Amino acid sequence: MAEDTKSDKAGEPLFDVLIPPGVPRSIIKEVIQKFDVQLVERKERMTFANMEGDARNLLAFRGKHEAVEQVEKYMIQKLKEFIEK
């Protein structure tokens, strides 16, 4: 989870949880419906393999700290369930 420079209307900072490539759309949709977060694009530098220094636009969930902590745990659990199917 990373703090973004954005803040809500009350000035409270917003945080991002990056969505790993390959997360099923059904999980992304479920998270958006269940939690108070927005789906955003975020430019991230890649630091592995032959992508060193490349920047990619990745999807992220953006929201208040408490919400994104819950989203992170929920998304990991849903990914584990998806993989075990």
C-alpha atoms as a PDB file:
ATOM      1  CA  MET A   1       0.000   0.000   0.000  1.00  0.00           C
ATOM      2  CA  ALA A   2       1.333   3.400  -0.923  1.00  0.00           C
ATOM      3  CA  GLU A   3       0.168   6.873  -0.052  1.00  0.00           C
ATOM      4  CA  ASP A   4      -0.702   8.932  -3.069  1.00  0.00           C
ATOM      5  CA  THR A   5      -0.536  12.708  -3.269  1.00  0.00           C
ATOM      6  CA  LYS A   6      -4.324  12.824  -3.638  1.00  0.00           C
ATOM      7  CA  SER A   7      -6.685  13.664  -0.835  1.00  0.00           C
ATOM      8  CA  ASP A   8     -10.427  13.559  -0.446  1.00  0.00           C
ATOM      9  CA  LYS A   9     -12.675  16.629  -0.160  1.00  0.00           C
ATOM     10  CA  ALA A  10     -12.007  16.827   3.589  1.00  0.00           C
ATOM     11  CA  GLY A  11      -8.249  16.851   2.986  1.00  0.00           C
ATOM     12  CA  GLU A  12      -7.707  13.310   4.292  1.00  0.00           C
ATOM     13  CA  PRO A  13      -4.909  11.515   2.403  1.00  0.00           C
ATOM     14  CA  LEU A  14      -5.853   8.693   0.067  1.00  0.00           C
ATOM     15  CA  PHE A  15      -3.862   5.497  -0.379  1.00  0.00           C
ATOM     16  CA  ASP A  16      -3.419   3.079  -3.276  1.00  0.00           C
ATOM     17  CA  VAL A  17      -3.315  -0.696  -3.375  1.00  0.00           C
ATOM     18  CA  LEU A  18      -1.811  -1.862  -6.658  1.00  0.00           C
ATOM     19  CA  ILE A  19      -3.682  -4.636  -8.419  1.00  0.00           C
ATOM     20  CA  PRO A  20      -1.278  -7.331  -9.606  1.00  0.00           C
ATOM     21  CA  PRO A  21      -1.496  -8.060 -13.341  1.00  0.00           C
ATOM     22  CA  GLY A  22      -3.754 -11.027 -13.997  1.00  0.00           C
ATOM     23  CA  VAL A  23      -6.307 -10.408 -11.231  1.00  0.00           C
ATOM     24  CA  PRO A  24      -9.670 -11.537 -12.641  1.00  0.00           C
ATOM     25  CA  ARG A  25     -12.122  -8.777 -13.528  1.00  0.00           C
ATOM     26  CA  SER A  26     -14.729 -10.446 -11.342  1.00  0.00           C
ATOM     27  CA  ILE A  27     -12.574  -9.833  -8.246  1.00  0.00           C
ATOM     28  CA  ILE A  28     -11.928  -6.209  -9.242  1.00  0.00           C
ATOM     29  CA  LYS A  29     -15.652  -5.633  -9.753  1.00  0.00           C
ATOM     30  CA  GLU A  30     -16.480  -7.299  -6.431  1.00  0.00           C
ATOM     31  CA  VAL A  31     -13.992  -5.105  -4.536  1.00  0.00           C
ATOM     32  CA  ILE A  32     -15.395  -1.905  -6.071  1.00  0.00           C
ATOM     33  CA  GLN A  33     -18.942  -2.894  -5.129  1.00  0.00           C
ATOM     34  CA  LYS A  34     -18.064  -4.021  -1.595  1.00  0.00           C
ATOM     35  CA  PHE A  35     -15.646  -1.270  -0.458  1.00  0.00           C
ATOM     36  CA  ASP A  36     -15.494   2.514  -0.640  1.00  0.00           C
ATOM     37  CA  VAL A  37     -12.629   2.693  -3.139  1.00  0.00           C
ATOM     38  CA  GLN A  38     -12.093   3.909  -6.680  1.00  0.00           C
ATOM     39  CA  LEU A  39     -10.380   2.111  -9.537  1.00  0.00           C
ATOM     40  CA  VAL A  40      -7.528   4.279 -10.854  1.00  0.00           C
ATOM     41  CA  GLU A  41      -4.523   3.996 -13.159  1.00  0.00           C
ATOM     42  CA  ARG A  42      -1.128   4.581 -11.644  1.00  0.00           C
ATOM     43  CA  LYS A  43       2.252   4.779 -13.373  1.00  0.00           C
ATOM     44  CA  GLU A  44       4.805   2.500 -11.675  1.00  0.00           C
ATOM     45  CA  ARG A  45       8.437   1.809 -12.477  1.00  0.00           C
ATOM     46  CA  MET A  46       9.253  -1.846 -12.980  1.00  0.00           C
ATOM     47  CA  THR A  47      12.307  -3.148 -11.137  1.00  0.00           C
ATOM     48  CA  PHE A  48      12.642  -6.759 -12.198  1.00  0.00           C
ATOM     49  CA  ALA A  49      14.041  -8.884 -15.028  1.00  0.00           C
ATOM     50  CA  ASN A  50      14.571  -7.027 -18.286  1.00  0.00           C
ATOM     51  CA  MET A  51      12.050  -4.285 -17.399  1.00  0.00           C
ATOM     52  CA  GLU A  52      14.445  -2.316 -15.180  1.00  0.00           C
ATOM     53  CA  GLY A  53      13.409   1.336 -15.292  1.00  0.00           C
ATOM     54  CA  ASP A  54      10.401   0.805 -17.571  1.00  0.00           C
ATOM     55  CA  ALA A  55       7.231   2.539 -16.408  1.00  0.00           C
ATOM     56  CA  ARG A  56       3.863   0.831 -16.793  1.00  0.00           C
ATOM     57  CA  ASN A  57       0.337   1.992 -16.110  1.00  0.00           C
ATOM     58  CA  LEU A  58      -1.090  -0.351 -13.503  1.00  0.00           C
ATOM     59  CA  LEU A  59      -4.547  -0.475 -11.967  1.00  0.00           C
ATOM     60  CA  ALA A  60      -4.983   0.370  -8.300  1.00  0.00           C
ATOM     61  CA  PHE A  61      -7.734   0.745  -5.741  1.00  0.00           C
ATOM     62  CA  ARG A  62      -7.664   4.213  -4.144  1.00  0.00           C
ATOM     63  CA  GLY A  63      -9.322   5.086  -0.860  1.00  0.00           C
ATOM     64  CA  LYS A  64      -8.899   5.962   2.781  1.00  0.00           C
ATOM     65  CA  HIS A  65      -6.340   4.037   4.821  1.00  0.00           C
ATOM     66  CA  GLU A  66      -8.796   1.761   6.626  1.00  0.00           C
ATOM     67  CA  ALA A  67     -10.632   0.873   3.401  1.00  0.00           C
ATOM     68  CA  VAL A  68      -7.502   0.010   1.426  1.00  0.00           C
ATOM     69  CA  GLU A  69      -6.180  -2.165   4.267  1.00  0.00           C
ATOM     70  CA  GLN A  70      -9.425  -4.151   4.122  1.00  0.00           C
ATOM     71  CA  VAL A  71      -9.272  -4.293   0.318  1.00  0.00           C
ATOM     72  CA  GLU A  72      -5.711  -5.645   0.395  1.00  0.00           C
ATOM     73  CA  LYS A  73      -6.657  -8.497   2.750  1.00  0.00           C
ATOM     74  CA  TYR A  74      -9.875  -9.240   0.852  1.00  0.00           C
ATOM     75  CA  MET A  75      -8.162  -9.280  -2.559  1.00  0.00           C
ATOM     76  CA  ILE A  76      -5.442 -11.652  -1.338  1.00  0.00           C
ATOM     77  CA  GLN A  77      -8.055 -14.007   0.123  1.00  0.00           C
ATOM     78  CA  LYS A  78     -10.118 -13.955  -3.095  1.00  0.00           C
ATOM     79  CA  LEU A  79      -7.003 -14.628  -5.195  1.00  0.00           C
ATOM     80  CA  LYS A  80      -6.134 -17.635  -3.019  1.00  0.00           C
ATOM     81  CA  GLU A  81      -9.666 -18.982  -3.435  1.00  0.00           C
ATOM     82  CA  PHE A  82      -9.503 -18.398  -7.212  1.00  0.00           C
ATOM     83  CA  ILE A  83      -6.193 -20.242  -7.514  1.00  0.00           C
ATOM     84  CA  GLU A  84      -7.417 -23.205  -5.450  1.00  0.00           C
ATOM     85  CA  LYS A  85     -10.431 -23.784  -7.721  1.00  0.00           C
END
